[in-house]
């Protein structure tokens, strides 16, 4: 995901934003902050230990987020099993089989 692909901030007050808009805005601000921190120069002859620690934490957090995004992209979607079951039923109907679901507590089955 490129930074340019992220939604731009809206000119609405936060109280009027949807959860998705708030999340997207916060995500964008977080990425911009991480980038600003990581781009800070470090004098390797006399490094500031606090800045090194901050950059390390930000880098690790950014890498962790990137891995989680990639894992989420690669994971099978939850609705895939529903689609598979639906396609199995369609195939059974096309073969002329009867497809009926009977609930465990049902007393009668009506077509």
PDB file of N, CA and C in Angstrom:
ATOM      1  N   UNK A   1       0.843  -1.163   0.000  1.00  0.00           N
ATOM      2  CA  UNK A   1       0.000   0.000   0.000  1.00  0.00           C
ATOM      3  C   UNK A   1       0.890   1.227   0.000  1.00  0.00           C
ATOM      4  N   UNK A   2       0.717   2.062  -0.982  1.00  0.00           N
ATOM      5  CA  UNK A   2       1.500   3.285  -1.070  1.00  0.00           C
ATOM      6  C   UNK A   2       0.803   4.405  -0.320  1.00  0.00           C
ATOM      7  N   UNK A   3       1.602   5.320   0.193  1.00  0.00           N
ATOM      8  CA  UNK A   3       1.048   6.440   0.944  1.00  0.00           C
ATOM      9  C   UNK A   3       0.109   7.256   0.064  1.00  0.00           C
ATOM     10  N   UNK A   4       0.421   7.365  -1.222  1.00  0.00           N
ATOM     11  CA  UNK A   4      -0.433   8.143  -2.118  1.00  0.00           C
ATOM     12  C   UNK A   4      -1.800   7.493  -2.309  1.00  0.00           C
ATOM     13  N   UNK A   5      -1.918   6.185  -2.036  1.00  0.00           N
ATOM     14  CA  UNK A   5      -3.188   5.479  -2.175  1.00  0.00           C
ATOM     15  C   UNK A   5      -4.102   5.656  -0.975  1.00  0.00           C
ATOM     16  N   UNK A   6      -3.563   6.198   0.112  1.00  0.00           N
ATOM     17  CA  UNK A   6      -4.375   6.382   1.309  1.00  0.00           C
ATOM     18  C   UNK A   6      -5.335   7.546   1.109  1.00  0.00           C
ATOM     19  N   UNK A   7      -6.501   7.465   1.741  1.00  0.00           N
ATOM     20  CA  UNK A   7      -7.454   8.559   1.589  1.00  0.00           C
ATOM     21  C   UNK A   7      -6.904   9.848   2.190  1.00  0.00           C
ATOM     22  N   UNK A   8      -7.221  10.955   1.548  1.00  0.00           N
ATOM     23  CA  UNK A   8      -6.799  12.241   2.091  1.00  0.00           C
ATOM     24  C   UNK A   8      -7.718  12.609   3.233  1.00  0.00           C
ATOM     25  N   UNK A   9      -7.214  13.471   4.110  1.00  0.00           N
ATOM     26  CA  UNK A   9      -8.026  13.856   5.249  1.00  0.00           C
ATOM     27  C   UNK A   9      -9.232  14.661   4.767  1.00  0.00           C
ATOM     28  N   UNK A  10     -10.337  14.470   5.436  1.00  0.00           N
ATOM     29  CA  UNK A  10     -11.567  15.149   5.076  1.00  0.00           C
ATOM     30  C   UNK A  10     -11.680  16.449   5.857  1.00  0.00           C
ATOM     31  N   UNK A  11     -12.421  17.375   5.307  1.00  0.00           N
ATOM     32  CA  UNK A  11     -12.618  18.642   5.982  1.00  0.00           C
ATOM     33  C   UNK A  11     -13.861  18.605   6.856  1.00  0.00           C
ATOM     34  N   UNK A  12     -14.002  17.546   7.610  1.00  0.00           N
ATOM     35  CA  UNK A  12     -15.125  17.405   8.533  1.00  0.00           C
ATOM     36  C   UNK A  12     -14.572  17.377   9.948  1.00  0.00           C
ATOM     37  N   UNK A  13     -15.353  17.852  10.888  1.00  0.00           N
ATOM     38  CA  UNK A  13     -14.923  17.673  12.274  1.00  0.00           C
ATOM     39  C   UNK A  13     -14.983  16.184  12.639  1.00  0.00           C
ATOM     40  N   UNK A  14     -14.122  15.744  13.529  1.00  0.00           N
ATOM     41  CA  UNK A  14     -14.093  14.318  13.884  1.00  0.00           C
ATOM     42  C   UNK A  14     -15.443  13.769  14.346  1.00  0.00           C
ATOM     43  N   UNK A  15     -16.249  14.593  14.963  1.00  0.00           N
ATOM     44  CA  UNK A  15     -17.554  14.129  15.447  1.00  0.00           C
ATOM     45  C   UNK A  15     -18.479  13.720  14.307  1.00  0.00           C
ATOM     46  N   UNK A  16     -18.255  14.264  13.109  1.00  0.00           N
ATOM     47  CA  UNK A  16     -19.104  13.960  11.960  1.00  0.00           C
ATOM     48  C   UNK A  16     -18.524  12.869  11.074  1.00  0.00           C
ATOM     49  N   UNK A  17     -17.326  12.386  11.388  1.00  0.00           N
ATOM     50  CA  UNK A  17     -16.684  11.350  10.578  1.00  0.00           C
ATOM     51  C   UNK A  17     -17.203   9.975  10.967  1.00  0.00           C
ATOM     52  N   UNK A  18     -17.220   9.086   9.986  1.00  0.00           N
ATOM     53  CA  UNK A  18     -17.558   7.690  10.269  1.00  0.00           C
ATOM     54  C   UNK A  18     -16.346   7.024  10.921  1.00  0.00           C
ATOM     55  N   UNK A  19     -16.560   5.846  11.473  1.00  0.00           N
ATOM     56  CA  UNK A  19     -15.441   5.101  12.060  1.00  0.00           C
ATOM     57  C   UNK A  19     -14.365   4.826  11.010  1.00  0.00           C
ATOM     58  N   UNK A  20     -14.785   4.485   9.797  1.00  0.00           N
ATOM     59  CA  UNK A  20     -13.822   4.192   8.732  1.00  0.00           C
ATOM     60  C   UNK A  20     -13.005   5.431   8.389  1.00  0.00           C
ATOM     61  N   UNK A  21     -13.648   6.590   8.338  1.00  0.00           N
ATOM     62  CA  UNK A  21     -12.934   7.829   8.032  1.00  0.00           C
ATOM     63  C   UNK A  21     -11.942   8.171   9.139  1.00  0.00           C
ATOM     64  N   UNK A  22     -12.368   7.993  10.388  1.00  0.00           N
ATOM     65  CA  UNK A  22     -11.462   8.253  11.516  1.00  0.00           C
ATOM     66  C   UNK A  22     -10.261   7.313  11.471  1.00  0.00           C
ATOM     67  N   UNK A  23     -10.532   6.027  11.234  1.00  0.00           N
ATOM     68  CA  UNK A  23      -9.451   5.049  11.181  1.00  0.00           C
ATOM     69  C   UNK A  23      -8.481   5.379  10.056  1.00  0.00           C
ATOM     70  N   UNK A  24      -9.018   5.687   8.865  1.00  0.00           N
ATOM     71  CA  UNK A  24      -8.158   5.995   7.724  1.00  0.00           C
ATOM     72  C   UNK A  24      -7.311   7.231   8.006  1.00  0.00           C
ATOM     73  N   UNK A  25      -7.915   8.234   8.622  1.00  0.00           N
ATOM     74  CA  UNK A  25      -7.170   9.442   8.963  1.00  0.00           C
ATOM     75  C   UNK A  25      -6.079   9.173   9.983  1.00  0.00           C
ATOM     76  N   UNK A  26      -6.421   8.401  11.010  1.00  0.00           N
ATOM     77  CA  UNK A  26      -5.424   8.060  12.031  1.00  0.00           C
ATOM     78  C   UNK A  26      -4.302   7.215  11.444  1.00  0.00           C
ATOM     79  N   UNK A  27      -4.650   6.288  10.559  1.00  0.00           N
ATOM     80  CA  UNK A  27      -3.655   5.432   9.933  1.00  0.00           C
ATOM     81  C   UNK A  27      -2.687   6.273   9.101  1.00  0.00           C
ATOM     82  N   UNK A  28      -3.232   7.195   8.337  1.00  0.00           N
ATOM     83  CA  UNK A  28      -2.402   8.073   7.510  1.00  0.00           C
ATOM     84  C   UNK A  28      -1.474   8.922   8.376  1.00  0.00           C
ATOM     85  N   UNK A  29      -2.017   9.520   9.433  1.00  0.00           N
ATOM     86  CA  UNK A  29      -1.200  10.346  10.332  1.00  0.00           C
ATOM     87  C   UNK A  29      -0.101   9.509  10.980  1.00  0.00           C
ATOM     88  N   UNK A  30      -0.418   8.283  11.335  1.00  0.00           N
ATOM     89  CA  UNK A  30       0.571   7.399  11.940  1.00  0.00           C
ATOM     90  C   UNK A  30       1.707   7.097  10.972  1.00  0.00           C
ATOM     91  N   UNK A  31       1.362   6.809   9.717  1.00  0.00           N
ATOM     92  CA  UNK A  31       2.390   6.540   8.718  1.00  0.00           C
ATOM     93  C   UNK A  31       3.263   7.764   8.472  1.00  0.00           C
ATOM     94  N   UNK A  32       2.631   8.924   8.403  1.00  0.00           N
ATOM     95  CA  UNK A  32       3.402  10.153   8.190  1.00  0.00           C
ATOM     96  C   UNK A  32       4.330  10.429   9.373  1.00  0.00           C
ATOM     97  N   UNK A  33       3.844  10.185  10.595  1.00  0.00           N
ATOM     98  CA  UNK A  33       4.670  10.371  11.783  1.00  0.00           C
ATOM     99  C   UNK A  33       5.860   9.404  11.767  1.00  0.00           C
ATOM    100  N   UNK A  34       5.568   8.137  11.479  1.00  0.00           N
ATOM    101  CA  UNK A  34       6.634   7.132  11.414  1.00  0.00           C
ATOM    102  C   UNK A  34       7.690   7.524  10.394  1.00  0.00           C
ATOM    103  N   UNK A  35       7.237   7.994   9.253  1.00  0.00           N
ATOM    104  CA  UNK A  35       8.173   8.412   8.208  1.00  0.00           C
ATOM    105  C   UNK A  35       9.037   9.580   8.675  1.00  0.00           C
ATOM    106  N   UNK A  36       8.414  10.554   9.329  1.00  0.00           N
ATOM    107  CA  UNK A  36       9.163  11.720   9.814  1.00  0.00           C
ATOM    108  C   UNK A  36      10.218  11.300  10.839  1.00  0.00           C
ATOM    109  N   UNK A  37       9.855  10.398  11.732  1.00  0.00           N
ATOM    110  CA  UNK A  37      10.814   9.937  12.748  1.00  0.00           C
ATOM    111  C   UNK A  37      11.953   9.178  12.095  1.00  0.00           C
ATOM    112  N   UNK A  38      11.629   8.270  11.196  1.00  0.00           N
ATOM    113  CA  UNK A  38      12.662   7.441  10.572  1.00  0.00           C
ATOM    114  C   UNK A  38      13.587   8.243   9.655  1.00  0.00           C
ATOM    115  N   UNK A  39      13.134   9.371   9.162  1.00  0.00           N
ATOM    116  CA  UNK A  39      13.961  10.192   8.275  1.00  0.00           C
ATOM    117  C   UNK A  39      14.863  11.155   9.042  1.00  0.00           C
ATOM    118  N   UNK A  40      14.738  11.202  10.355  1.00  0.00           N
ATOM    119  CA  UNK A  40      15.605  12.070  11.148  1.00  0.00           C
ATOM    120  C   UNK A  40      17.048  11.574  11.033  1.00  0.00           C
ATOM    121  N   UNK A  41      17.969  12.462  10.727  1.00  0.00           N
ATOM    122  CA  UNK A  41      19.371  12.032  10.606  1.00  0.00           C
ATOM    123  C   UNK A  41      19.964  11.675  11.969  1.00  0.00           C
ATOM    124  N   UNK A  42      20.918  10.774  11.930  1.00  0.00           N
ATOM    125  CA  UNK A  42      21.613  10.363  13.155  1.00  0.00           C
ATOM    126  C   UNK A  42      23.105  10.551  12.922  1.00  0.00           C
ATOM    127  N   UNK A  43      23.740  11.205  13.863  1.00  0.00           N
ATOM    128  CA  UNK A  43      25.192  11.374  13.813  1.00  0.00           C
ATOM    129  C   UNK A  43      25.800  10.113  14.418  1.00  0.00           C
ATOM    130  N   UNK A  44      26.359   9.271  13.578  1.00  0.00           N
ATOM    131  CA  UNK A  44      26.887   7.987  14.061  1.00  0.00           C
ATOM    132  C   UNK A  44      28.153   8.150  14.902  1.00  0.00           C
ATOM    133  N   UNK A  45      28.798   9.322  14.838  1.00  0.00           N
ATOM    134  CA  UNK A  45      29.970   9.553  15.682  1.00  0.00           C
ATOM    135  C   UNK A  45      29.561   9.837  17.119  1.00  0.00           C
ATOM    136  N   UNK A  46      28.353  10.428  17.277  1.00  0.00           N
ATOM    137  CA  UNK A  46      27.849  10.747  18.615  1.00  0.00           C
ATOM    138  C   UNK A  46      26.327  10.566  18.617  1.00  0.00           C
ATOM    139  N   UNK A  47      25.861   9.295  18.554  1.00  0.00           N
ATOM    140  CA  UNK A  47      24.423   9.060  18.447  1.00  0.00           C
ATOM    141  C   UNK A  47      23.682   9.394  19.742  1.00  0.00           C
ATOM    142  N   UNK A  48      22.487   9.918  19.582  1.00  0.00           N
ATOM    143  CA  UNK A  48      21.606  10.195  20.714  1.00  0.00           C
ATOM    144  C   UNK A  48      20.886   8.894  21.064  1.00  0.00           C
ATOM    145  N   UNK A  49      21.133   8.331  22.251  1.00  0.00           N
ATOM    146  CA  UNK A  49      20.528   7.034  22.593  1.00  0.00           C
ATOM    147  C   UNK A  49      18.997   7.068  22.593  1.00  0.00           C
ATOM    148  N   UNK A  50      18.407   8.183  23.002  1.00  0.00           N
ATOM    149  CA  UNK A  50      16.938   8.277  23.013  1.00  0.00           C
ATOM    150  C   UNK A  50      16.384   8.251  21.591  1.00  0.00           C
ATOM    151  N   UNK A  51      17.047   8.958  20.682  1.00  0.00           N
ATOM    152  CA  UNK A  51      16.582   8.968  19.289  1.00  0.00           C
ATOM    153  C   UNK A  51      16.765   7.596  18.659  1.00  0.00           C
ATOM    154  N   UNK A  52      17.883   6.923  18.959  1.00  0.00           N
ATOM    155  CA  UNK A  52      18.077   5.566  18.435  1.00  0.00           C
ATOM    156  C   UNK A  52      16.972   4.639  18.936  1.00  0.00           C
ATOM    157  N   UNK A  53      16.647   4.757  20.204  1.00  0.00           N
ATOM    158  CA  UNK A  53      15.596   3.917  20.790  1.00  0.00           C
ATOM    159  C   UNK A  53      14.247   4.221  20.140  1.00  0.00           C
ATOM    160  N   UNK A  54      13.943   5.503  19.948  1.00  0.00           N
ATOM    161  CA  UNK A  54      12.680   5.898  19.326  1.00  0.00           C
ATOM    162  C   UNK A  54      12.600   5.391  17.898  1.00  0.00           C
ATOM    163  N   UNK A  55      13.682   5.564  17.140  1.00  0.00           N
ATOM    164  CA  UNK A  55      13.693   5.100  15.749  1.00  0.00           C
ATOM    165  C   UNK A  55      13.548   3.581  15.676  1.00  0.00           C
ATOM    166  N   UNK A  56      14.181   2.891  16.605  1.00  0.00           N
ATOM    167  CA  UNK A  56      14.068   1.429  16.637  1.00  0.00           C
ATOM    168  C   UNK A  56      12.620   1.006  16.897  1.00  0.00           C
ATOM    169  N   UNK A  57      11.976   1.640  17.882  1.00  0.00           N
ATOM    170  CA  UNK A  57      10.592   1.302  18.216  1.00  0.00           C
ATOM    171  C   UNK A  57       9.650   1.600  17.047  1.00  0.00           C
ATOM    172  N   UNK A  58       9.849   2.746  16.412  1.00  0.00           N
ATOM    173  CA  UNK A  58       8.999   3.115  15.279  1.00  0.00           C
ATOM    174  C   UNK A  58       9.227   2.154  14.116  1.00  0.00           C
ATOM    175  N   UNK A  59      10.472   1.819  13.842  1.00  0.00           N
ATOM    176  CA  UNK A  59      10.771   0.896  12.748  1.00  0.00           C
ATOM    177  C   UNK A  59      10.143  -0.474  12.999  1.00  0.00           C
ATOM    178  N   UNK A  60      10.267  -0.972  14.228  1.00  0.00           N
ATOM    179  CA  UNK A  60       9.683  -2.270  14.548  1.00  0.00           C
ATOM    180  C   UNK A  60       8.157  -2.235  14.458  1.00  0.00           C
ATOM    181  N   UNK A  61       7.546  -1.155  14.937  1.00  0.00           N
ATOM    182  CA  UNK A  61       6.091  -1.021  14.856  1.00  0.00           C
ATOM    183  C   UNK A  61       5.626  -0.967  13.403  1.00  0.00           C
ATOM    184  N   UNK A  62       6.376  -0.253  12.571  1.00  0.00           N
ATOM    185  CA  UNK A  62       6.030  -0.141  11.158  1.00  0.00           C
ATOM    186  C   UNK A  62       6.165  -1.489  10.464  1.00  0.00           C
ATOM    187  N   UNK A  63       7.238  -2.205  10.757  1.00  0.00           N
ATOM    188  CA  UNK A  63       7.428  -3.526  10.163  1.00  0.00           C
ATOM    189  C   UNK A  63       6.343  -4.493  10.621  1.00  0.00           C
ATOM    190  N   UNK A  64       5.969  -4.418  11.896  1.00  0.00           N
ATOM    191  CA  UNK A  64       4.916  -5.283  12.418  1.00  0.00           C
ATOM    192  C   UNK A  64       3.597  -5.005  11.707  1.00  0.00           C
ATOM    193  N   UNK A  65       3.282  -3.727  11.525  1.00  0.00           N
ATOM    194  CA  UNK A  65       2.045  -3.371  10.825  1.00  0.00           C
ATOM    195  C   UNK A  65       2.079  -3.868   9.383  1.00  0.00           C
ATOM    196  N   UNK A  66       3.213  -3.738   8.726  1.00  0.00           N
ATOM    197  CA  UNK A  66       3.337  -4.194   7.342  1.00  0.00           C
ATOM    198  C   UNK A  66       3.135  -5.701   7.246  1.00  0.00           C
ATOM    199  N   UNK A  67       3.696  -6.448   8.184  1.00  0.00           N
ATOM    200  CA  UNK A  67       3.529  -7.904   8.190  1.00  0.00           C
ATOM    201  C   UNK A  67       2.073  -8.266   8.428  1.00  0.00           C
ATOM    202  N   UNK A  68       1.419  -7.590   9.362  1.00  0.00           N
ATOM    203  CA  UNK A  68       0.004  -7.881   9.638  1.00  0.00           C
ATOM    204  C   UNK A  68      -0.871  -7.591   8.426  1.00  0.00           C
ATOM    205  N   UNK A  69      -0.580  -6.505   7.720  1.00  0.00           N
ATOM    206  CA  UNK A  69      -1.347  -6.182   6.517  1.00  0.00           C
ATOM    207  C   UNK A  69      -1.151  -7.267   5.471  1.00  0.00           C
ATOM    208  N   UNK A  70       0.077  -7.712   5.287  1.00  0.00           N
ATOM    209  CA  UNK A  70       0.365  -8.743   4.294  1.00  0.00           C
ATOM    210  C   UNK A  70      -0.304 -10.063   4.676  1.00  0.00           C
ATOM    211  N   UNK A  71      -0.254 -10.431   5.949  1.00  0.00           N
ATOM    212  CA  UNK A  71      -0.901 -11.663   6.410  1.00  0.00           C
ATOM    213  C   UNK A  71      -2.407 -11.580   6.168  1.00  0.00           C
ATOM    214  N   UNK A  72      -2.998 -10.426   6.456  1.00  0.00           N
ATOM    215  CA  UNK A  72      -4.435 -10.258   6.238  1.00  0.00           C
ATOM    216  C   UNK A  72      -4.783 -10.379   4.759  1.00  0.00           C
ATOM    217  N   UNK A  73      -3.915  -9.871   3.897  1.00  0.00           N
ATOM    218  CA  UNK A  73      -4.156  -9.978   2.451  1.00  0.00           C
ATOM    219  C   UNK A  73      -4.087 -11.429   1.988  1.00  0.00           C
ATOM    220  N   UNK A  74      -3.195 -12.205   2.593  1.00  0.00           N
ATOM    221  CA  UNK A  74      -2.987 -13.583   2.157  1.00  0.00           C
ATOM    222  C   UNK A  74      -3.963 -14.571   2.780  1.00  0.00           C
ATOM    223  N   UNK A  75      -4.571 -14.195   3.897  1.00  0.00           N
ATOM    224  CA  UNK A  75      -5.478 -15.101   4.601  1.00  0.00           C
ATOM    225  C   UNK A  75      -6.748 -15.303   3.779  1.00  0.00           C
ATOM    226  N   UNK A  76      -7.286 -16.520   3.821  1.00  0.00           N
ATOM    227  CA  UNK A  76      -8.544 -16.731   3.098  1.00  0.00           C
ATOM    228  C   UNK A  76      -9.663 -15.911   3.740  1.00  0.00           C
ATOM    229  N   UNK A  77     -10.527 -15.378   2.912  1.00  0.00           N
ATOM    230  CA  UNK A  77     -11.619 -14.582   3.436  1.00  0.00           C
ATOM    231  C   UNK A  77     -12.632 -15.478   4.134  1.00  0.00           C
ATOM    232  N   UNK A  78     -13.294 -14.951   5.132  1.00  0.00           N
ATOM    233  CA  UNK A  78     -14.259 -15.723   5.908  1.00  0.00           C
ATOM    234  C   UNK A  78     -15.437 -16.169   5.057  1.00  0.00           C
ATOM    235  N   UNK A  79     -15.817 -15.389   4.067  1.00  0.00           N
ATOM    236  CA  UNK A  79     -16.974 -15.743   3.255  1.00  0.00           C
ATOM    237  C   UNK A  79     -16.663 -16.782   2.193  1.00  0.00           C
ATOM    238  N   UNK A  80     -15.403 -17.196   2.055  1.00  0.00           N
ATOM    239  CA  UNK A  80     -15.052 -18.206   1.056  1.00  0.00           C
ATOM    240  C   UNK A  80     -15.775 -19.524   1.318  1.00  0.00           C
ATOM    241  N   UNK A  81     -15.905 -19.920   2.586  1.00  0.00           N
ATOM    242  CA  UNK A  81     -16.563 -21.192   2.884  1.00  0.00           C
ATOM    243  C   UNK A  81     -18.051 -21.114   2.551  1.00  0.00           C
ATOM    244  N   UNK A  82     -18.660 -19.947   2.743  1.00  0.00           N
ATOM    245  CA  UNK A  82     -20.066 -19.777   2.399  1.00  0.00           C
ATOM    246  C   UNK A  82     -20.240 -19.911   0.890  1.00  0.00           C
ATOM    247  N   UNK A  83     -19.357 -19.297   0.151  1.00  0.00           N
ATOM    248  CA  UNK A  83     -19.417 -19.385  -1.305  1.00  0.00           C
ATOM    249  C   UNK A  83     -19.208 -20.825  -1.765  1.00  0.00           C
ATOM    250  N   UNK A  84     -18.273 -21.512  -1.144  1.00  0.00           N
ATOM    251  CA  UNK A  84     -18.034 -22.917  -1.502  1.00  0.00           C
ATOM    252  C   UNK A  84     -19.282 -23.764  -1.259  1.00  0.00           C
ATOM    253  N   UNK A  85     -19.918 -23.574  -0.103  1.00  0.00           N
ATOM    254  CA  UNK A  85     -21.129 -24.349   0.204  1.00  0.00           C
ATOM    255  C   UNK A  85     -22.244 -24.028  -0.779  1.00  0.00           C
ATOM    256  N   UNK A  86     -22.379 -22.756  -1.136  1.00  0.00           N
ATOM    257  CA  UNK A  86     -23.403 -22.364  -2.096  1.00  0.00           C
ATOM    258  C   UNK A  86     -23.143 -23.009  -3.454  1.00  0.00           C
ATOM    259  N   UNK A  87     -21.897 -23.014  -3.887  1.00  0.00           N
ATOM    260  CA  UNK A  87     -21.563 -23.619  -5.174  1.00  0.00           C
ATOM    261  C   UNK A  87     -21.795 -25.130  -5.154  1.00  0.00           C
ATOM    262  N   UNK A  88     -21.566 -25.772  -4.021  1.00  0.00           N
ATOM    263  CA  UNK A  88     -21.845 -27.206  -3.903  1.00  0.00           C
ATOM    264  C   UNK A  88     -23.343 -27.473  -4.045  1.00  0.00           C
ATOM    265  N   UNK A  89     -24.148 -26.604  -3.453  1.00  0.00           N
ATOM    266  CA  UNK A  89     -25.607 -26.760  -3.575  1.00  0.00           C
ATOM    267  C   UNK A  89     -26.058 -26.549  -5.017  1.00  0.00           C
ATOM    268  N   UNK A  90     -25.511 -25.535  -5.667  1.00  0.00           N
ATOM    269  CA  UNK A  90     -25.868 -25.273  -7.068  1.00  0.00           C
ATOM    270  C   UNK A  90     -25.510 -26.480  -7.919  1.00  0.00           C
ATOM    271  N   UNK A  91     -24.323 -27.044  -7.697  1.00  0.00           N
ATOM    272  CA  UNK A  91     -23.902 -28.221  -8.463  1.00  0.00           C
ATOM    273  C   UNK A  91     -24.845 -29.399  -8.206  1.00  0.00           C
ATOM    274  N   UNK A  92     -25.256 -29.583  -6.963  1.00  0.00           N
ATOM    275  CA  UNK A  92     -26.181 -30.671  -6.637  1.00  0.00           C
ATOM    276  C   UNK A  92     -27.532 -30.456  -7.314  1.00  0.00           C
ATOM    277  N   UNK A  93     -28.035 -29.242  -7.310  1.00  0.00           N
ATOM    278  CA  UNK A  93     -29.304 -28.942  -7.973  1.00  0.00           C
ATOM    279  C   UNK A  93     -29.210 -29.192  -9.471  1.00  0.00           C
ATOM    280  N   UNK A  94     -28.077 -28.840 -10.055  1.00  0.00           N
ATOM    281  CA  UNK A  94     -27.901 -29.060 -11.500  1.00  0.00           C
ATOM    282  C   UNK A  94     -27.845 -30.547 -11.838  1.00  0.00           C
ATOM    283  N   UNK A  95     -27.373 -31.346 -10.887  1.00  0.00           N
ATOM    284  CA  UNK A  95     -27.347 -32.804 -11.097  1.00  0.00           C
ATOM    285  C   UNK A  95     -28.713 -33.415 -10.842  1.00  0.00           C
ATOM    286  N   UNK A  96     -29.672 -32.593 -10.428  1.00  0.00           N
ATOM    287  CA  UNK A  96     -31.026 -33.087 -10.181  1.00  0.00           C
ATOM    288  C   UNK A  96     -31.231 -33.585  -8.763  1.00  0.00           C
ATOM    289  N   UNK A  97     -30.281 -33.389  -7.910  1.00  0.00           N
ATOM    290  CA  UNK A  97     -30.423 -33.826  -6.521  1.00  0.00           C
ATOM    291  C   UNK A  97     -31.302 -32.843  -5.766  1.00  0.00           C
ATOM    292  N   UNK A  98     -31.935 -33.335  -4.736  1.00  0.00           N
ATOM    293  CA  UNK A  98     -32.759 -32.494  -3.898  1.00  0.00           C
ATOM    294  C   UNK A  98     -31.905 -31.914  -2.784  1.00  0.00           C
ATOM    295  N   UNK A  99     -32.020 -30.646  -2.597  1.00  0.00           N
ATOM    296  CA  UNK A  99     -31.216 -29.992  -1.568  1.00  0.00           C
ATOM    297  C   UNK A  99     -32.178 -29.384  -0.549  1.00  0.00           C
ATOM    298  N   UNK A 100     -32.218 -29.993   0.634  1.00  0.00           N
ATOM    299  CA  UNK A 100     -33.108 -29.518   1.698  1.00  0.00           C
ATOM    300  C   UNK A 100     -32.299 -29.455   2.984  1.00  0.00           C
ATOM    301  N   UNK A 101     -32.494 -28.383   3.703  1.00  0.00           N
ATOM    302  CA  UNK A 101     -31.880 -28.289   5.030  1.00  0.00           C
ATOM    303  C   UNK A 101     -32.977 -28.450   6.058  1.00  0.00           C
ATOM    304  N   UNK A 102     -32.778 -29.366   6.959  1.00  0.00           N
ATOM    305  CA  UNK A 102     -33.743 -29.587   8.022  1.00  0.00           C
ATOM    306  C   UNK A 102     -33.112 -29.155   9.334  1.00  0.00           C
ATOM    307  N   UNK A 103     -33.777 -28.241  10.002  1.00  0.00           N
ATOM    308  CA  UNK A 103     -33.277 -27.807  11.290  1.00  0.00           C
ATOM    309  C   UNK A 103     -33.481 -28.916  12.301  1.00  0.00           C
ATOM    310  N   UNK A 104     -32.578 -29.066  13.270  1.00  0.00           N
ATOM    311  CA  UNK A 104     -32.661 -30.168  14.228  1.00  0.00           C
ATOM    312  C   UNK A 104     -33.992 -30.216  15.001  1.00  0.00           C
ATOM    313  N   UNK A 105     -34.596 -29.074  15.279  1.00  0.00           N
ATOM    314  CA  UNK A 105     -35.828 -29.070  16.072  1.00  0.00           C
ATOM    315  C   UNK A 105     -37.080 -28.978  15.202  1.00  0.00           C
ATOM    316  N   UNK A 106     -36.943 -29.112  13.879  1.00  0.00           N
ATOM    317  CA  UNK A 106     -38.104 -29.007  12.980  1.00  0.00           C
ATOM    318  C   UNK A 106     -38.964 -30.252  13.094  1.00  0.00           C
ATOM    319  N   UNK A 107     -40.269 -30.037  13.168  1.00  0.00           N
ATOM    320  CA  UNK A 107     -41.206 -31.172  13.277  1.00  0.00           C
ATOM    321  C   UNK A 107     -41.648 -31.626  11.892  1.00  0.00           C
ATOM    322  N   UNK A 108     -41.788 -30.687  10.980  1.00  0.00           N
ATOM    323  CA  UNK A 108     -42.211 -31.058   9.617  1.00  0.00           C
ATOM    324  C   UNK A 108     -41.310 -30.339   8.619  1.00  0.00           C
ATOM    325  N   UNK A 109     -41.281 -30.887   7.422  1.00  0.00           N
ATOM    326  CA  UNK A 109     -40.495 -30.275   6.351  1.00  0.00           C
ATOM    327  C   UNK A 109     -41.470 -29.947   5.240  1.00  0.00           C
ATOM    328  N   UNK A 110     -41.495 -28.691   4.849  1.00  0.00           N
ATOM    329  CA  UNK A 110     -42.368 -28.283   3.752  1.00  0.00           C
ATOM    330  C   UNK A 110     -41.493 -27.902   2.560  1.00  0.00           C
ATOM    331  N   UNK A 111     -41.922 -28.305   1.362  1.00  0.00           N
ATOM    332  CA  UNK A 111     -41.124 -27.969   0.180  1.00  0.00           C
ATOM    333  C   UNK A 111     -41.157 -26.494  -0.121  1.00  0.00           C
TER     334      UNK A 111
END
